[in-house]
Protein backbone atom coordinates (compact mmCIF):
# COMPACT_ATOMS: atom_id res chain seq x y z
CA MET A 1 35.94 53.49 -115.94
CA ILE A 2 36.95 54.97 -119.19
CA ASN A 3 39.22 53.06 -121.57
CA GLY A 4 40.42 55.12 -124.63
CA LYS A 5 43.00 52.92 -126.12
CA GLU A 6 40.96 51.92 -129.09
CA ALA A 7 39.11 55.29 -129.30
CA MET A 8 39.45 57.56 -132.28
CA VAL A 9 39.60 61.44 -132.17
CA GLU A 10 37.71 62.24 -135.20
CA GLU A 11 38.03 65.99 -135.22
CA PHE A 12 38.45 69.02 -132.67
CA VAL A 13 38.01 72.77 -132.43
CA LEU A 14 40.12 75.13 -130.26
CA HIS A 15 38.60 78.42 -129.14
CA ARG A 16 40.30 80.96 -126.85
CA ILE A 17 37.96 82.12 -123.90
CA GLY A 18 38.83 85.59 -122.79
CA THR A 19 37.79 86.99 -119.24
CA GLU A 20 38.23 90.21 -117.36
CA GLY A 21 38.57 92.20 -120.50
CA ALA A 22 40.65 89.93 -122.60
CA PRO A 23 39.13 89.24 -126.16
CA SER A 24 37.90 85.66 -126.98
CA ILE A 25 38.68 84.30 -130.30
CA LEU A 26 36.20 81.67 -131.80
CA SER A 27 37.68 79.37 -134.57
CA ASP A 28 35.83 78.88 -137.69
CA TYR A 29 37.62 75.48 -138.56
CA SER A 30 38.22 72.13 -137.10
CA ALA A 31 41.38 70.04 -137.06
CA VAL A 32 41.80 66.41 -138.21
CA LEU A 33 44.99 64.36 -137.23
CA GLN A 34 44.64 60.80 -138.36
CA GLY A 35 48.27 59.66 -137.89
CA LEU A 36 49.10 57.07 -135.27
CA GLU A 37 51.49 59.20 -133.38
CA GLU A 38 48.94 62.26 -133.47
CA GLN A 39 46.02 60.03 -132.42
CA GLU A 40 48.11 58.51 -129.60
CA PHE A 41 48.85 62.04 -128.41
CA LEU A 42 45.28 63.12 -128.64
CA ARG A 43 44.09 60.23 -126.76
CA LYS A 44 46.71 60.88 -123.99
CA LEU A 45 45.79 64.60 -123.87
CA PHE A 46 41.84 64.30 -123.97
CA LEU A 47 40.99 60.61 -122.71
CA ARG A 48 43.54 59.73 -120.08
CA PRO A 49 42.57 62.36 -117.46
CA PHE A 50 39.19 60.29 -117.21
CA SER A 51 40.76 56.94 -116.95
CA THR A 52 40.47 56.78 -113.04
CA LEU A 53 37.08 58.44 -112.80
CA VAL A 54 34.25 56.32 -111.48
CA GLN A 55 31.35 58.67 -110.67
CA THR A 56 28.94 58.92 -113.47
CA ASN A 57 26.62 62.01 -114.01
CA GLU A 58 23.73 63.01 -116.30
CA PHE A 59 22.25 66.26 -117.35
CA ALA A 60 20.14 67.55 -114.63
CA VAL A 61 16.36 67.14 -115.10
CA VAL A 62 14.20 70.26 -114.12
CA GLU A 63 10.57 69.24 -114.00
CA GLY A 64 8.57 71.41 -116.38
CA GLU A 65 11.62 72.69 -118.38
CA LYS A 66 13.19 71.70 -121.72
CA ASP A 67 16.83 70.26 -121.82
CA ASN A 68 19.41 72.67 -120.87
CA LEU A 69 21.48 74.44 -123.58
CA LEU A 70 24.53 72.30 -123.38
CA GLN A 71 22.43 69.11 -123.33
CA GLN A 72 20.78 70.42 -126.45
CA LEU A 73 24.13 71.18 -128.09
CA CYS A 74 25.60 67.80 -127.16
CA ALA A 75 22.59 66.15 -128.89
CA LYS A 76 23.43 67.94 -132.10
CA VAL A 77 26.82 66.50 -131.95
CA GLU A 78 25.34 63.01 -131.61
CA LYS A 79 23.33 63.65 -134.64
CA GLY A 80 26.37 64.44 -136.65
CA LYS A 81 25.82 68.31 -136.88
CA ASP A 82 28.77 70.55 -137.96
CA LEU A 83 31.27 70.45 -135.06
CA VAL A 84 32.50 74.03 -135.72
CA GLY A 85 29.18 75.60 -135.62
CA VAL A 86 28.07 73.59 -132.30
CA SER A 87 31.38 74.12 -130.72
CA ARG A 88 31.01 77.91 -131.26
CA ALA A 89 27.71 77.90 -129.53
CA MET A 90 29.06 75.89 -126.56
CA ALA A 91 32.07 78.48 -126.37
CA LYS A 92 29.50 81.27 -126.40
CA HIS A 93 27.67 79.65 -123.59
CA LEU A 94 30.92 79.20 -121.61
CA ILE A 95 31.72 82.91 -122.20
CA ASP A 96 28.20 83.83 -120.87
CA VAL A 97 28.46 81.75 -117.75
CA ALA A 98 31.99 82.78 -116.99
CA ALA A 99 30.85 86.49 -116.76
CA ASN A 100 29.19 85.43 -113.39
CA TYR A 101 32.25 83.83 -112.01
CA GLU A 102 35.97 84.43 -111.30
CA VAL A 103 37.26 82.49 -114.33
CA ARG A 104 40.62 82.57 -115.94
CA THR A 105 41.49 83.14 -119.64
CA GLY A 106 42.13 79.85 -121.25
CA ASP A 107 41.91 77.55 -124.28
CA PHE A 108 38.61 75.63 -124.80
CA PHE A 109 38.64 72.34 -126.89
CA VAL A 110 35.66 70.55 -128.20
CA VAL A 111 36.48 67.14 -129.49
CA ARG A 112 34.39 64.57 -131.25
CA PHE A 113 35.22 60.90 -130.24
CA HIS A 114 34.42 57.41 -131.78
CA ALA A 115 34.45 54.17 -129.82
CA VAL A 116 35.31 55.24 -126.22
CA GLU A 117 34.92 52.06 -124.11
CA MET A 118 33.15 52.06 -120.74
CA GLY A 119 31.83 49.03 -119.25
CA GLY A 120 33.07 46.83 -121.97
CA ALA A 121 30.93 48.69 -124.53
CA GLN A 122 31.86 51.36 -126.91
CA TYR A 123 30.29 54.77 -127.43
CA ASP A 124 30.67 57.85 -129.50
CA GLY A 125 31.07 60.95 -127.51
CA VAL A 126 31.94 64.56 -127.27
CA GLY A 127 34.63 66.07 -124.95
CA LEU A 128 34.79 69.68 -123.72
CA TYR A 129 38.17 70.92 -122.09
CA LYS A 130 39.36 74.17 -120.58
CA PHE A 131 43.06 74.62 -120.00
CA ASP A 132 44.05 77.70 -118.08
CA ASP A 133 47.79 77.23 -118.22
CA LYS A 134 50.32 75.63 -120.44
CA ASP A 135 53.51 73.46 -119.88
CA VAL A 136 56.92 74.89 -120.59
CA PHE A 137 59.09 72.69 -122.66
CA LEU A 138 62.37 72.97 -124.46
CA GLU A 139 62.51 72.37 -128.22
CA SER A 140 65.76 71.47 -129.93
CA ARG A 141 66.47 71.24 -133.67
CA ALA A 142 69.40 70.69 -135.87
CA GLU A 143 70.21 73.55 -138.08
CA ALA A 144 73.36 72.73 -140.55
CA ASP A 145 76.07 71.92 -138.10
CA LYS A 146 74.46 73.53 -134.95
CA ILE A 147 71.77 72.46 -132.50
CA ALA A 148 69.24 75.20 -131.78
CA MET A 149 67.19 75.26 -128.58
CA GLN A 150 64.22 77.45 -127.67
CA LEU A 151 61.70 77.40 -124.66
CA LYS A 152 58.14 77.11 -125.71
CA ARG A 153 54.72 76.82 -124.09
CA GLY A 154 51.95 74.22 -124.89
CA LEU A 155 49.96 71.24 -123.88
CA GLY A 156 51.06 67.75 -123.18
CA GLY A 157 51.16 66.26 -120.04
CA ARG A 158 48.88 68.97 -118.13
CA LYS A 159 45.46 67.79 -117.03
CA PRO A 160 42.74 70.16 -118.12
CA ASP A 161 41.58 72.47 -115.32
CA GLN A 162 37.90 71.71 -116.20
CA ALA A 163 36.61 69.02 -118.54
CA LEU A 164 33.46 67.21 -119.51
CA LEU A 165 33.25 63.77 -121.40
CA VAL A 166 29.82 63.08 -122.67
CA LEU A 167 29.25 59.51 -124.07
CA PHE A 168 26.23 59.02 -126.08
CA THR A 169 24.70 56.04 -123.96
CA PRO A 170 21.13 54.83 -124.84
CA LEU A 171 18.28 56.70 -123.04
CA ALA A 172 20.38 59.33 -121.36
CA HIS A 173 23.86 60.60 -121.99
CA THR A 174 26.62 59.52 -119.42
CA LEU A 175 28.86 62.46 -118.17
CA PHE A 176 32.44 62.19 -116.51
CA VAL A 177 33.57 65.46 -114.95
CA ILE A 178 36.95 67.00 -113.97
CA ASP A 179 36.86 70.24 -112.04
CA ASP A 180 39.74 71.68 -110.15
CA LYS A 181 37.37 74.23 -108.40
CA PRO A 182 34.19 72.39 -107.71
CA GLN A 183 33.23 74.76 -104.87
CA THR A 184 32.75 77.82 -107.10
CA GLY A 185 29.73 76.03 -109.14
CA PHE A 186 31.05 77.58 -112.40
CA TRP A 187 31.65 74.30 -114.39
CA GLN A 188 29.33 71.76 -112.87
CA GLN A 189 26.26 73.88 -112.23
CA GLY A 190 26.66 76.99 -114.23
CA PHE A 191 27.98 75.65 -117.42
CA ILE A 192 26.97 71.93 -117.52
CA GLY A 193 24.03 71.43 -115.14
CA LEU A 194 24.46 68.03 -113.79
CA GLN A 195 23.33 65.60 -111.25
CA PRO A 196 24.48 62.10 -110.32
CA LYS A 197 23.22 59.42 -112.76
CA LYS A 198 21.25 56.82 -110.80
CA ASP A 199 22.80 53.83 -112.31
CA HIS A 200 24.65 50.83 -110.93
CA VAL A 201 27.69 53.11 -109.97
CA TYR A 202 25.48 55.37 -108.13
CA SER A 203 23.88 52.36 -106.39
CA THR A 204 27.14 50.60 -105.32
CA ASN A 205 28.76 53.94 -104.03
CA ASN A 206 25.66 54.91 -101.86
CA VAL A 207 25.18 51.45 -100.42
CA LEU A 208 28.89 51.08 -99.41
CA GLU A 209 28.93 54.71 -98.00
CA MET A 210 25.68 53.90 -96.16
CA THR A 211 27.22 50.66 -94.69
CA LYS A 212 30.37 52.14 -93.74
CA HIS A 213 28.62 55.05 -91.66
CA PHE A 214 26.35 52.25 -90.12
CA ILE A 215 29.15 50.23 -88.91
CA THR A 216 31.41 53.19 -87.57
CA ASP A 217 28.76 55.47 -86.47
CA GLN A 218 25.43 53.80 -85.75
CA LEU A 219 26.46 50.36 -84.53
CA PRO A 220 28.79 51.42 -81.58
CA GLN A 221 25.64 53.53 -80.27
CA ASP A 222 23.46 50.41 -80.33
CA TYR A 223 25.99 47.86 -79.03
CA GLU A 224 29.11 47.62 -77.25
CA ILE A 225 31.29 46.45 -80.10
CA PRO A 226 35.17 46.22 -80.16
CA LYS A 227 37.04 48.16 -82.86
CA ALA A 228 38.37 44.76 -84.20
CA ASP A 229 34.86 43.58 -84.90
CA GLN A 230 33.97 46.75 -86.57
CA ILE A 231 36.95 46.33 -88.83
CA ASP A 232 35.90 42.71 -89.65
CA LEU A 233 32.45 44.01 -90.62
CA LEU A 234 33.90 46.54 -92.80
CA ASN A 235 36.25 43.93 -94.41
CA ARG A 236 33.23 41.51 -94.83
CA SER A 237 31.06 44.21 -96.51
CA VAL A 238 33.81 44.99 -99.04
CA GLN A 239 34.49 41.28 -99.60
CA PHE A 240 30.76 40.70 -100.36
CA PHE A 241 30.98 43.34 -103.00
CA LYS A 242 34.28 42.06 -104.49
CA GLU A 243 32.91 38.54 -104.73
CA ASN A 244 29.48 39.21 -106.15
CA THR A 245 28.15 40.76 -109.39
CA GLU A 246 24.68 41.44 -108.10
CA PHE A 247 23.67 43.02 -104.78
CA ASP A 248 20.68 41.91 -102.76
CA ARG A 249 20.10 43.75 -99.63
CA GLU A 250 18.54 40.93 -97.66
CA ARG A 251 21.26 38.60 -98.64
CA PHE A 252 24.13 40.96 -97.85
CA ALA A 253 22.66 41.93 -94.51
CA GLN A 254 22.41 38.09 -93.62
CA GLU A 255 25.94 37.31 -94.80
CA VAL A 256 27.69 40.28 -93.36
CA PHE A 257 25.61 40.93 -89.96
CA GLN A 258 24.43 37.53 -89.34
CA THR A 259 22.29 38.41 -86.06
CA ASP A 260 18.89 39.35 -86.38
CA ALA A 261 19.17 42.35 -83.99
CA VAL A 262 22.15 43.84 -86.00
CA ILE A 263 20.27 42.97 -89.39
CA ASP A 264 17.12 45.02 -88.12
CA SER A 265 19.24 47.78 -87.06
CA PHE A 266 20.99 47.85 -90.41
CA GLN A 267 17.72 47.97 -92.29
CA ARG A 268 16.25 50.83 -90.17
CA TYR A 269 19.37 52.79 -90.54
CA GLY A 270 19.23 52.27 -94.29
CA ASP A 271 15.79 53.78 -94.43
CA ARG A 272 16.56 56.56 -92.30
CA TYR A 273 19.89 57.16 -94.36
CA GLN A 274 18.12 57.75 -97.53
CA GLU A 275 15.60 60.12 -96.20
CA GLU A 276 17.95 62.24 -94.47
CA ARG A 277 20.45 62.53 -97.43
CA HIS A 278 17.97 62.36 -99.95
CA VAL A 279 19.59 59.48 -101.81
CA ASP A 280 18.01 56.32 -103.36
CA LEU A 281 19.13 53.11 -102.01
CA GLN A 282 18.21 50.36 -104.22
CA ASP A 283 17.61 46.83 -102.83
CA ASN A 284 18.80 45.05 -105.98
CA PHE A 285 21.26 46.31 -108.67
CA ALA A 286 24.39 45.15 -110.57
CA ILE A 287 27.68 45.72 -108.73
CA SER A 288 30.16 48.11 -110.15
CA SER A 289 33.67 46.57 -109.74
CA ASP A 290 35.39 50.06 -110.46
CA ALA A 291 33.20 51.77 -107.81
CA VAL A 292 34.19 48.94 -105.28
CA LYS A 293 37.75 49.40 -105.86
CA LYS A 294 37.60 53.10 -105.20
CA GLN A 295 35.48 52.80 -102.10
CA ALA A 296 37.48 50.08 -100.64
CA ARG A 297 40.09 52.63 -100.08
CA VAL A 298 38.27 54.42 -97.52
CA PHE A 299 37.14 51.24 -95.59
CA LYS A 300 39.82 51.55 -93.02
CA SER A 301 41.01 48.19 -91.73
CA VAL A 302 43.56 49.71 -89.26
CA LEU A 303 43.35 49.15 -85.58
CA LYS A 304 45.32 52.17 -83.87
CA LEU A 305 46.60 51.27 -80.39
CA ASP A 306 47.66 54.50 -78.48
CA LYS A 307 50.53 55.98 -80.32
CA ASN A 308 52.54 52.85 -80.48
CA PHE A 309 51.18 50.35 -82.84
CA HIS A 310 48.95 50.13 -85.91
CA ILE A 311 47.58 46.74 -86.73
CA TYR A 312 46.21 46.07 -90.27
CA ILE A 313 43.30 43.57 -90.14
CA HIS A 314 42.45 42.00 -93.60
CA GLY A 315 41.31 38.47 -92.86
CA ASP A 316 40.20 36.04 -90.12
CA ARG A 317 38.79 37.78 -87.07
CA ASN A 318 39.02 34.71 -85.10
CA LYS A 319 42.90 34.92 -85.36
CA ILE A 320 42.85 38.05 -82.82
CA GLU A 321 42.06 37.97 -79.21
CA GLN A 322 41.32 40.80 -77.02
CA GLY A 323 41.80 40.92 -73.24
CA VAL A 324 43.18 42.66 -70.22
CA ASP A 325 45.93 41.20 -67.94
CA GLU A 326 46.40 41.09 -64.18
CA ASN A 327 47.77 44.67 -63.99
CA GLY A 328 44.97 46.07 -66.05
CA ARG A 329 46.81 46.49 -69.32
CA LYS A 330 44.82 45.90 -72.47
CA PHE A 331 46.18 43.57 -75.08
CA TYR A 332 45.52 42.01 -78.42
CA LYS A 333 46.83 38.33 -78.97
CA ILE A 334 47.48 37.63 -82.71
CA TYR A 335 47.83 34.32 -84.03
CA TYR A 336 49.58 33.47 -87.44
CA GLU A 337 51.11 30.59 -89.53
CA GLN A 338 54.09 32.07 -91.04
CA GLU A 339 55.86 35.31 -91.15
CA LEU A 340 55.95 36.88 -94.61
């Protein structure tokens, strides 16, 4: 995840992107705000929206073609080129792309960053932001012996409608994306041109996703398995990722699934999964703790019994017994040491 608490907003440029006949206005100057209060505000406006994002991306590689236009422009920022000139080229690119989509008029910021933290390391970078709307706020000021008030529009707590943070990581830039309308293809495909970055975040996400599908979809087809046992396997899978810093597919399968038949089924399913979904499942990789935290939320540990009860299972499977009484009623027996 992104940590911008120690980052510096070195300078930024604001352009106005016009659509549907509205004129575009391209600035010929940049702004530099170095005060502590100003920097805190800029970090909140430009970096905080990325603080919860986990998915990493990179510029898409098209075989036989050069880097795409935006990738070339970001490389110029990395080399220290004049931000005003580069940002004007980015704005023109955005205007050209917007002509092919239904895009609203809005403000377009290009921001140069220093020392943005990701994964314990700091990187310089560039951010691109499109705001379609502004917040309404009440401004008050003292004038002689009176207080004057006025409603104004501006940016502050509003999240950008679309945004791109490019960190200048070695070998290939790392991209984080915000897009309120991903289905249109305007921002991610038309303007940026991106693809998932095949790093440890990518690997962690895909293996966890594959494991969840195996336990909930494939395993019940291969074996008659109680729902409580499925939940136990989901919990053990997540626990493995939480307790280890490195993933090894063989070790993971042994510790989670334990029996040879289920392990073989898991391995076969993994091979088929990556072929059908066109993903690359690595056998060994460093585990992304941020990706684990986010994925763990969708690993449901809830046992739903008719419409009467929901049982949350987080721990020892041996403390739950399943059975049927003499009247044919199904039941779960739960053992515990203390009521919290």
